[in-house]
Amino acid sequence: MARFVFHLLALQLVFIAGALSLFSSKKVDDAVKYQLQQKVLTLGSSYTIKDDKDKPVYKVGFKQLGLGKHLQLTDVSGQQEFYSIKHILNPLGLAKYEIRQNDKVIADISRKFNFIGGKKFSVKSKHGTFKIEGNFRSREFKIKKDHVLVATISKKFFSVGDKYGVKINRGQDAPFILALAIVVDEVAHD
């Protein structure tokens, strides 16, 4: 009988270890780190994005005036636009955004209503299907592509101002993932 109990416990441990390995993608391992900081003394939304050596690599500012917010993510000089981010006004009040490249919509981002308290976004794009999940209170988010963690957004390392750490797996389109991080921050302030 003791042998049977021992085998049963061993089988349970193997099962638990296997289950944990399936769901343990809590970290982005081979990552490039960025620092996303909203400029405080500007009219509207403006961001500076720095690399892990504190060197500015991208900037975000208003693209044009009109209904809904329309931002553009460019290189530091502002000469090369990577993506623009358009807030689509929604009568239900749920956040909906488009990411555009060369004035063509390449991604639709919709906020999903969630009773449990977390926030979820669904992203359908030319780069694939993404899910963004997290908590606005703690400002911790995960970006998954086809159920694989590709980036994290975290405010826990920065307590002053609007500053986030963004870790992006190598091989991902960093400006696109940073555009998703900007959408999350914009929704946090709406």
Protein backbone atom coordinates (compact mmCIF):
# COMPACT_ATOMS: atom_id res chain seq x y z
CA MET A 1 0.00 0.00 0.00
CA ALA A 2 2.83 2.42 0.88
CA ARG A 3 4.41 1.78 -2.52
CA PHE A 4 1.12 2.63 -4.26
CA VAL A 5 0.84 5.93 -2.30
CA PHE A 6 4.48 6.75 -3.14
CA HIS A 7 3.84 6.17 -6.87
CA LEU A 8 0.67 8.23 -6.71
CA LEU A 9 2.53 11.13 -5.06
CA ALA A 10 5.38 10.87 -7.57
CA LEU A 11 2.88 10.91 -10.44
CA GLN A 12 1.19 14.00 -8.97
CA LEU A 13 4.54 15.80 -8.68
CA VAL A 14 5.37 14.98 -12.31
CA PHE A 15 1.94 16.25 -13.37
CA ILE A 16 2.31 19.49 -11.36
CA ALA A 17 5.83 20.10 -12.69
CA GLY A 18 4.59 19.58 -16.25
CA ALA A 19 1.66 21.92 -15.74
CA LEU A 20 3.90 24.59 -14.24
CA SER A 21 6.30 24.39 -17.17
CA LEU A 22 3.39 24.93 -19.57
CA PHE A 23 2.27 28.08 -17.79
CA SER A 24 5.57 29.41 -16.45
CA SER A 25 6.29 31.83 -19.29
CA LYS A 26 6.24 34.74 -16.83
CA LYS A 27 9.52 36.18 -18.04
CA VAL A 28 10.77 37.39 -21.35
CA ASP A 29 14.15 35.67 -21.50
CA ASP A 30 16.14 36.92 -24.52
CA ALA A 31 14.86 40.49 -24.35
CA VAL A 32 15.69 43.99 -25.44
CA LYS A 33 14.79 46.51 -22.73
CA TYR A 34 13.24 49.90 -23.33
CA GLN A 35 12.13 52.73 -21.08
CA LEU A 36 8.89 54.44 -22.06
CA GLN A 37 8.39 57.83 -20.44
CA GLN A 38 5.52 60.20 -20.97
CA LYS A 39 6.59 63.83 -21.04
CA VAL A 40 4.72 65.64 -18.29
CA LEU A 41 4.81 69.27 -19.39
CA THR A 42 3.32 68.84 -22.86
CA LEU A 43 -0.15 69.39 -24.24
CA GLY A 44 -1.57 65.91 -24.80
CA SER A 45 0.48 62.74 -25.06
CA SER A 46 4.15 62.81 -25.86
CA TYR A 47 6.68 60.10 -25.08
CA THR A 48 10.40 59.48 -25.19
CA ILE A 49 11.55 55.88 -25.58
CA LYS A 50 15.08 55.03 -24.47
CA ASP A 51 17.13 51.85 -24.74
CA ASP A 52 18.71 50.09 -21.76
CA LYS A 53 21.72 52.42 -21.98
CA ASP A 54 19.42 55.43 -21.39
CA LYS A 55 19.85 56.60 -25.02
CA PRO A 56 16.75 57.98 -26.79
CA VAL A 57 15.80 55.70 -29.70
CA TYR A 58 12.17 56.62 -30.52
CA LYS A 59 9.74 59.42 -29.83
CA VAL A 60 5.97 59.71 -29.92
CA GLY A 61 3.95 62.84 -30.54
CA PHE A 62 0.74 64.10 -32.11
CA LYS A 63 0.36 63.32 -35.80
CA GLN A 64 -2.62 65.53 -36.54
CA LEU A 65 -5.58 67.21 -34.94
CA GLY A 66 -9.09 65.90 -35.37
CA LEU A 67 -11.57 63.59 -33.70
CA GLY A 68 -9.82 61.07 -31.51
CA LYS A 69 -6.17 61.06 -30.61
CA HIS A 70 -3.69 60.34 -33.41
CA LEU A 71 -0.09 59.74 -32.36
CA GLN A 72 2.97 58.81 -34.38
CA LEU A 73 5.96 56.72 -33.34
CA THR A 74 9.12 57.91 -35.10
CA ASP A 75 12.87 57.74 -34.84
CA VAL A 76 14.47 60.31 -32.52
CA SER A 77 14.79 62.90 -35.29
CA GLY A 78 11.08 62.62 -36.13
CA GLN A 79 11.93 62.01 -39.80
CA GLN A 80 11.07 58.31 -40.09
CA GLU A 81 7.61 57.22 -39.01
CA PHE A 82 7.35 53.58 -37.95
CA TYR A 83 3.70 53.51 -36.91
CA SER A 84 0.83 55.81 -36.10
CA ILE A 85 -1.70 55.10 -33.37
CA LYS A 86 -5.30 56.23 -33.84
CA HIS A 87 -7.89 56.26 -31.06
CA ILE A 88 -11.26 55.36 -32.55
CA LEU A 89 -14.12 57.04 -30.70
CA ASN A 90 -16.54 54.42 -29.44
CA PRO A 91 -20.06 55.28 -28.21
CA LEU A 92 -19.90 52.44 -25.65
CA GLY A 93 -16.80 53.91 -24.05
CA LEU A 94 -14.63 50.83 -24.63
CA ALA A 95 -11.17 51.58 -25.94
CA LYS A 96 -10.56 50.82 -29.60
CA TYR A 97 -7.36 51.72 -31.39
CA GLU A 98 -5.81 51.23 -34.79
CA ILE A 99 -2.13 51.00 -35.56
CA ARG A 100 -1.30 52.24 -39.02
CA GLN A 101 1.74 52.04 -41.25
CA ASN A 102 1.93 54.28 -44.31
CA ASP A 103 -1.69 55.30 -43.59
CA LYS A 104 -2.90 51.67 -43.87
CA VAL A 105 -4.48 49.94 -40.88
CA ILE A 106 -2.25 47.01 -39.91
CA ALA A 107 -3.69 46.31 -36.45
CA ASP A 108 -7.00 46.64 -34.61
CA ILE A 109 -6.88 46.77 -30.82
CA SER A 110 -10.02 46.27 -28.75
CA ARG A 111 -10.37 46.35 -25.01
CA LYS A 112 -12.28 43.39 -23.65
CA PHE A 113 -14.71 43.84 -20.78
CA ASN A 114 -13.68 41.74 -17.79
CA PHE A 115 -15.67 41.29 -14.57
CA ILE A 116 -12.73 39.84 -12.62
CA GLY A 117 -10.78 43.11 -12.54
CA GLY A 118 -7.91 42.55 -14.91
CA LYS A 119 -7.71 44.30 -18.24
CA LYS A 120 -7.52 42.49 -21.54
CA PHE A 121 -6.93 43.68 -25.05
CA SER A 122 -7.30 41.73 -28.26
CA VAL A 123 -4.98 42.64 -31.14
CA LYS A 124 -5.51 41.45 -34.71
CA SER A 125 -2.63 42.53 -36.89
CA LYS A 126 -0.50 41.76 -39.92
CA HIS A 127 2.04 40.45 -37.37
CA GLY A 128 -0.45 37.91 -35.97
CA THR A 129 -2.93 37.76 -33.11
CA PHE A 130 -1.87 39.19 -29.75
CA LYS A 131 -3.45 39.29 -26.30
CA ILE A 132 -2.53 41.92 -23.75
CA GLU A 133 -3.46 41.16 -20.16
CA GLY A 134 -2.69 42.95 -16.96
CA ASN A 135 -3.67 45.20 -14.13
CA PHE A 136 -3.93 49.00 -14.28
CA ARG A 137 -3.48 49.33 -10.53
CA SER A 138 -0.11 47.59 -10.46
CA ARG A 139 0.72 48.62 -14.06
CA GLU A 140 1.97 45.16 -14.97
CA PHE A 141 1.07 43.73 -18.39
CA LYS A 142 1.99 40.76 -20.55
CA ILE A 143 1.83 40.70 -24.33
CA LYS A 144 1.36 37.25 -25.84
CA LYS A 145 1.41 36.28 -29.50
CA ASP A 146 -0.34 32.98 -30.19
CA HIS A 147 -0.19 32.15 -26.43
CA VAL A 148 3.60 32.76 -26.25
CA LEU A 149 4.90 35.60 -24.07
CA VAL A 150 6.73 38.11 -26.31
CA ALA A 151 6.87 41.22 -24.11
CA THR A 152 6.17 42.63 -20.66
CA ILE A 153 5.25 46.14 -19.59
CA SER A 154 6.09 47.08 -16.02
CA LYS A 155 5.92 50.20 -13.91
CA LYS A 156 7.23 48.55 -10.73
CA PHE A 157 10.83 49.69 -11.27
CA PHE A 158 9.78 53.31 -11.74
CA SER A 159 7.76 55.01 -9.04
CA VAL A 160 7.94 58.66 -10.11
CA GLY A 161 6.01 59.97 -13.08
CA ASP A 162 4.74 57.97 -16.00
CA LYS A 163 7.64 55.68 -16.78
CA TYR A 164 7.46 52.04 -17.84
CA GLY A 165 9.97 49.32 -18.50
CA VAL A 166 9.20 47.33 -21.64
CA LYS A 167 11.01 44.06 -22.32
CA ILE A 168 10.63 42.70 -25.85
CA ASN A 169 11.81 39.32 -27.09
CA ARG A 170 14.48 39.54 -29.77
CA GLY A 171 13.03 38.88 -33.20
CA GLN A 172 9.85 40.88 -32.53
CA ASP A 173 9.04 44.15 -34.29
CA ALA A 174 10.09 46.43 -31.41
CA PRO A 175 8.37 49.61 -32.69
CA PHE A 176 5.11 47.66 -33.10
CA ILE A 177 5.30 46.23 -29.56
CA LEU A 178 6.14 49.71 -28.22
CA ALA A 179 3.06 51.04 -30.04
CA LEU A 180 1.01 48.43 -28.16
CA ALA A 181 2.58 49.60 -24.87
CA ILE A 182 1.60 53.19 -25.71
CA VAL A 183 -2.00 52.08 -26.30
CA VAL A 184 -2.02 50.44 -22.85
CA ASP A 185 -0.72 53.66 -21.26
CA GLU A 186 -3.25 55.78 -23.17
CA VAL A 187 -6.12 53.59 -21.94
CA ALA A 188 -4.75 53.84 -18.40
CA HIS A 189 -5.19 57.61 -18.57
CA ASP A 190 -8.64 57.68 -20.17
